[in-house]
Amino acid sequence: MAARDFSINNFMARVDGLGGPVKRNKFSVEVTSPTSMRSSVTADTINFLAKTVSFPAKSLATTDYRYGGRYSLLVPYETTYEPVSITMMNTGNHAPRIFWNDWLNHIQNMSTYNMEYYEKYIGTVTISHYLDDEESIDPSKASYQVTLHEAWPKGISAIEVGWENAELQDFEIDMQYNWWTASGESKTKGQLGGNLAADQQLTTGFQ
């Protein structure tokens, strides 16, 4: 083990040994929409317009386990995931807005108000991060990559316009998903998150 002290040089040497400091600005987002979805806009034409995105969080839901009525122990019982927010830049033909609205309309038909089968409205979202010296947007060259599995848009934000506001338009999409995986991490048996029985029931399809 390298010597440990409070010197900047030693600190930076140890950081460099782990790949160096990492910046936030080099990333890409790849959205794969459901195969049964119909839209005049394809995901690959708007993916590059993602301004900001977050790597997903993960937490354990807990409950109190009481033993003999004498004390309680906090124990986990399932993994929980929060939606991932993507901020998209809008364009003159409103293609990004059209795409995401089409996906939402695919989930619920606004003519019949029927909900689509789960397996027919889910897709994937891949978030790739690149090192500072990488010049090409190529997910195969990413230093770190997270995939949101069985993803679907939970909501799309409003866009406020006004005479006094000349800023560029953008909007947010909240992506819900079943579980996520990341490159470089060890795989566990049964990578599904949450309730496995519920996952199997959902993917078999029901309304």
Protein backbone atom coordinates (compact mmCIF):
# COMPACT_ATOMS: atom_id res chain seq x y z
CA MET A 1 0.00 0.00 0.00
CA ALA A 2 1.27 3.47 -0.88
CA ALA A 3 2.32 5.78 1.92
CA ARG A 4 -0.57 7.82 3.30
CA ASP A 5 -0.16 11.43 4.34
CA PHE A 6 -1.90 14.76 3.86
CA SER A 7 0.23 16.01 0.94
CA ILE A 8 -1.54 17.09 -2.26
CA ASN A 9 0.96 15.19 -4.42
CA ASN A 10 0.29 11.91 -2.64
CA PHE A 11 -3.46 12.48 -2.83
CA MET A 12 -3.35 13.22 -6.56
CA ALA A 13 -1.09 10.23 -7.22
CA ARG A 14 -3.61 7.94 -5.55
CA VAL A 15 -6.49 9.55 -7.48
CA ASP A 16 -4.57 9.16 -10.75
CA GLY A 17 -4.10 5.49 -9.92
CA LEU A 18 -7.90 5.17 -9.98
CA GLY A 19 -8.23 6.89 -13.36
CA GLY A 20 -7.99 10.51 -12.21
CA PRO A 21 -10.74 13.00 -11.31
CA VAL A 22 -13.87 12.64 -13.41
CA LYS A 23 -15.89 15.50 -14.89
CA ARG A 24 -19.64 15.72 -15.41
CA ASN A 25 -19.86 17.11 -18.93
CA LYS A 26 -18.97 14.20 -21.24
CA PHE A 27 -21.92 11.84 -21.45
CA SER A 28 -24.47 10.45 -23.85
CA VAL A 29 -27.99 9.10 -23.54
CA GLU A 30 -29.38 6.34 -25.74
CA VAL A 31 -33.12 5.78 -25.60
CA THR A 32 -34.65 2.65 -27.10
CA SER A 33 -38.41 2.98 -27.46
CA PRO A 34 -40.89 0.06 -27.54
CA THR A 35 -40.92 -1.78 -30.87
CA SER A 36 -44.70 -1.46 -31.11
CA MET A 37 -44.67 2.31 -30.62
CA ARG A 38 -45.45 4.49 -33.65
CA SER A 39 -43.96 7.96 -33.96
CA SER A 40 -42.84 10.31 -36.72
CA VAL A 41 -39.69 10.91 -34.65
CA THR A 42 -37.12 8.21 -33.93
CA ALA A 43 -35.10 8.15 -30.72
CA ASP A 44 -31.73 8.16 -32.49
CA THR A 45 -32.48 11.59 -34.02
CA ILE A 46 -33.00 13.29 -30.65
CA ASN A 47 -30.77 11.38 -28.21
CA PHE A 48 -27.99 13.98 -28.56
CA LEU A 49 -30.35 16.71 -27.27
CA ALA A 50 -30.21 15.39 -23.69
CA LYS A 51 -28.79 18.33 -21.69
CA THR A 52 -28.66 16.74 -18.27
CA VAL A 53 -29.31 13.33 -16.79
CA SER A 54 -28.66 11.62 -13.48
CA PHE A 55 -27.17 8.26 -12.76
CA PRO A 56 -29.92 6.40 -10.87
CA ALA A 57 -30.13 6.07 -7.12
CA LYS A 58 -30.76 2.86 -5.23
CA SER A 59 -31.92 2.34 -1.68
CA LEU A 60 -33.25 -0.38 0.58
CA ALA A 61 -36.72 -0.19 2.08
CA THR A 62 -36.60 -1.25 5.72
CA THR A 63 -38.87 -2.44 8.48
CA ASP A 64 -38.52 -3.02 12.21
CA TYR A 65 -37.89 -6.62 13.21
CA ARG A 66 -38.80 -7.23 16.82
CA TYR A 67 -37.17 -10.05 18.74
CA GLY A 68 -38.82 -11.37 21.88
CA GLY A 69 -40.47 -8.01 22.47
CA ARG A 70 -37.21 -6.73 23.92
CA TYR A 71 -35.66 -4.74 21.08
CA SER A 72 -36.18 -3.93 17.40
CA LEU A 73 -33.72 -4.31 14.58
CA LEU A 74 -33.99 -2.32 11.34
CA VAL A 75 -33.77 -4.80 8.43
CA PRO A 76 -34.14 -4.39 4.66
CA TYR A 77 -36.86 -6.21 2.74
CA GLU A 78 -36.64 -4.85 -0.84
CA THR A 79 -34.65 -2.61 -3.17
CA THR A 80 -36.34 0.61 -4.26
CA TYR A 81 -35.57 2.86 -7.22
CA GLU A 82 -36.40 6.50 -7.86
CA PRO A 83 -37.29 7.83 -11.35
CA VAL A 84 -34.42 9.26 -13.42
CA SER A 85 -34.93 12.77 -14.80
CA ILE A 86 -33.70 13.66 -18.30
CA THR A 87 -33.62 17.29 -19.42
CA MET A 88 -34.08 17.64 -23.18
CA MET A 89 -33.36 20.66 -25.36
CA ASN A 90 -36.32 21.48 -27.58
CA THR A 91 -35.99 22.26 -31.30
CA GLY A 92 -37.85 24.34 -33.88
CA ASN A 93 -39.90 21.40 -35.13
CA HIS A 94 -40.55 20.23 -31.54
CA ALA A 95 -39.33 16.74 -32.45
CA PRO A 96 -38.16 15.87 -28.90
CA ARG A 97 -41.53 16.89 -27.46
CA ILE A 98 -43.40 14.94 -30.13
CA PHE A 99 -41.39 11.78 -29.47
CA TRP A 100 -41.98 11.71 -25.72
CA ASN A 101 -45.64 12.65 -26.07
CA ASP A 102 -46.08 9.81 -28.57
CA TRP A 103 -44.60 7.40 -26.02
CA LEU A 104 -47.01 8.62 -23.34
CA ASN A 105 -49.92 8.28 -25.78
CA HIS A 106 -48.70 4.77 -26.58
CA ILE A 107 -49.00 3.86 -22.90
CA GLN A 108 -52.57 5.14 -22.74
CA ASN A 109 -54.66 5.55 -25.88
CA MET A 110 -56.35 8.93 -25.49
CA SER A 111 -59.18 7.93 -27.82
CA THR A 112 -60.22 4.80 -25.92
CA TYR A 113 -58.44 5.56 -22.58
CA ASN A 114 -57.24 1.95 -22.52
CA MET A 115 -53.82 1.22 -21.03
CA GLU A 116 -51.34 -0.76 -23.11
CA TYR A 117 -49.89 -4.06 -21.90
CA TYR A 118 -46.78 -3.51 -19.78
CA GLU A 119 -44.45 -5.48 -22.03
CA LYS A 120 -45.54 -3.37 -25.03
CA TYR A 121 -44.71 0.08 -23.62
CA ILE A 122 -41.32 -0.51 -21.98
CA GLY A 123 -37.93 0.30 -23.49
CA THR A 124 -34.40 0.91 -22.28
CA VAL A 125 -32.24 3.94 -21.50
CA THR A 126 -28.44 3.71 -21.55
CA ILE A 127 -26.42 6.49 -19.90
CA SER A 128 -22.73 6.53 -20.85
CA HIS A 129 -19.96 8.60 -19.31
CA TYR A 130 -16.65 9.29 -21.07
CA LEU A 131 -13.18 10.22 -19.89
CA ASP A 132 -11.94 13.73 -20.56
CA ASP A 133 -9.65 12.69 -23.43
CA GLU A 134 -12.39 10.82 -25.34
CA GLU A 135 -13.47 12.78 -28.43
CA SER A 136 -16.10 10.49 -29.98
CA ILE A 137 -19.60 9.74 -28.72
CA ASP A 138 -19.37 5.96 -28.82
CA PRO A 139 -20.97 3.99 -25.97
CA SER A 140 -18.50 1.15 -26.57
CA LYS A 141 -15.73 3.56 -25.48
CA ALA A 142 -17.51 4.77 -22.34
CA SER A 143 -15.64 4.56 -19.05
CA TYR A 144 -18.86 3.86 -17.19
CA GLN A 145 -22.33 2.93 -18.36
CA VAL A 146 -25.70 2.45 -16.71
CA THR A 147 -28.71 0.81 -18.34
CA LEU A 148 -32.27 1.36 -17.13
CA HIS A 149 -34.22 -1.80 -17.87
CA GLU A 150 -37.93 -1.86 -18.67
CA ALA A 151 -38.01 1.93 -18.76
CA TRP A 152 -40.98 4.12 -19.61
CA PRO A 153 -41.78 7.84 -19.28
CA LYS A 154 -43.76 8.60 -16.15
CA GLY A 155 -44.29 12.25 -16.99
CA ILE A 156 -43.21 15.19 -19.11
CA SER A 157 -42.85 18.70 -17.75
CA ALA A 158 -44.52 21.84 -19.04
CA ILE A 159 -42.65 24.43 -21.14
CA GLU A 160 -43.26 28.00 -20.05
CA VAL A 161 -43.11 30.66 -22.77
CA GLY A 162 -43.38 34.42 -22.41
CA TRP A 163 -42.65 37.69 -24.22
CA GLU A 164 -39.94 38.62 -21.74
CA ASN A 165 -38.14 35.27 -21.93
CA ALA A 166 -35.68 34.65 -24.79
CA GLU A 167 -33.97 31.62 -23.24
CA LEU A 168 -33.72 28.31 -25.04
CA GLN A 169 -36.57 25.89 -24.44
CA ASP A 170 -36.06 22.65 -22.57
CA PHE A 171 -38.22 20.21 -20.65
CA GLU A 172 -37.84 17.24 -18.31
CA ILE A 173 -38.90 13.63 -18.60
CA ASP A 174 -39.18 11.39 -15.55
CA MET A 175 -38.21 7.85 -16.50
CA GLN A 176 -39.54 4.99 -14.42
CA TYR A 177 -37.85 1.59 -14.74
CA ASN A 178 -37.82 -1.84 -13.15
CA TRP A 179 -34.12 -2.12 -12.32
CA TRP A 180 -30.73 -0.89 -13.49
CA THR A 181 -27.33 -2.39 -14.14
CA ALA A 182 -23.92 -0.75 -14.43
CA SER A 183 -20.72 -1.67 -16.22
CA GLY A 184 -17.89 -3.03 -14.11
CA GLU A 185 -20.12 -4.19 -11.27
CA SER A 186 -20.40 -7.81 -10.19
CA LYS A 187 -23.55 -9.57 -11.37
CA THR A 188 -25.80 -11.12 -8.76
CA LYS A 189 -28.01 -14.11 -9.32
CA GLY A 190 -31.38 -12.79 -10.43
CA GLN A 191 -30.56 -9.21 -11.40
CA LEU A 192 -34.20 -8.13 -11.21
CA GLY A 193 -35.00 -5.56 -8.55
CA GLY A 194 -37.99 -5.62 -6.22
CA ASN A 195 -40.49 -8.46 -6.19
CA LEU A 196 -39.49 -11.25 -8.60
CA ALA A 197 -42.97 -12.78 -8.66
CA ALA A 198 -44.47 -9.40 -9.53
CA ASP A 199 -41.84 -8.87 -12.24
CA GLN A 200 -42.71 -12.20 -13.83
CA GLN A 201 -46.41 -11.46 -13.67
CA LEU A 202 -45.97 -8.04 -15.27
CA THR A 203 -43.85 -9.29 -18.13
CA THR A 204 -46.37 -12.01 -19.03
CA GLY A 205 -48.80 -9.21 -19.83
CA PHE A 206 -52.08 -8.12 -18.31
CA GLN A 207 -54.20 -4.98 -18.22
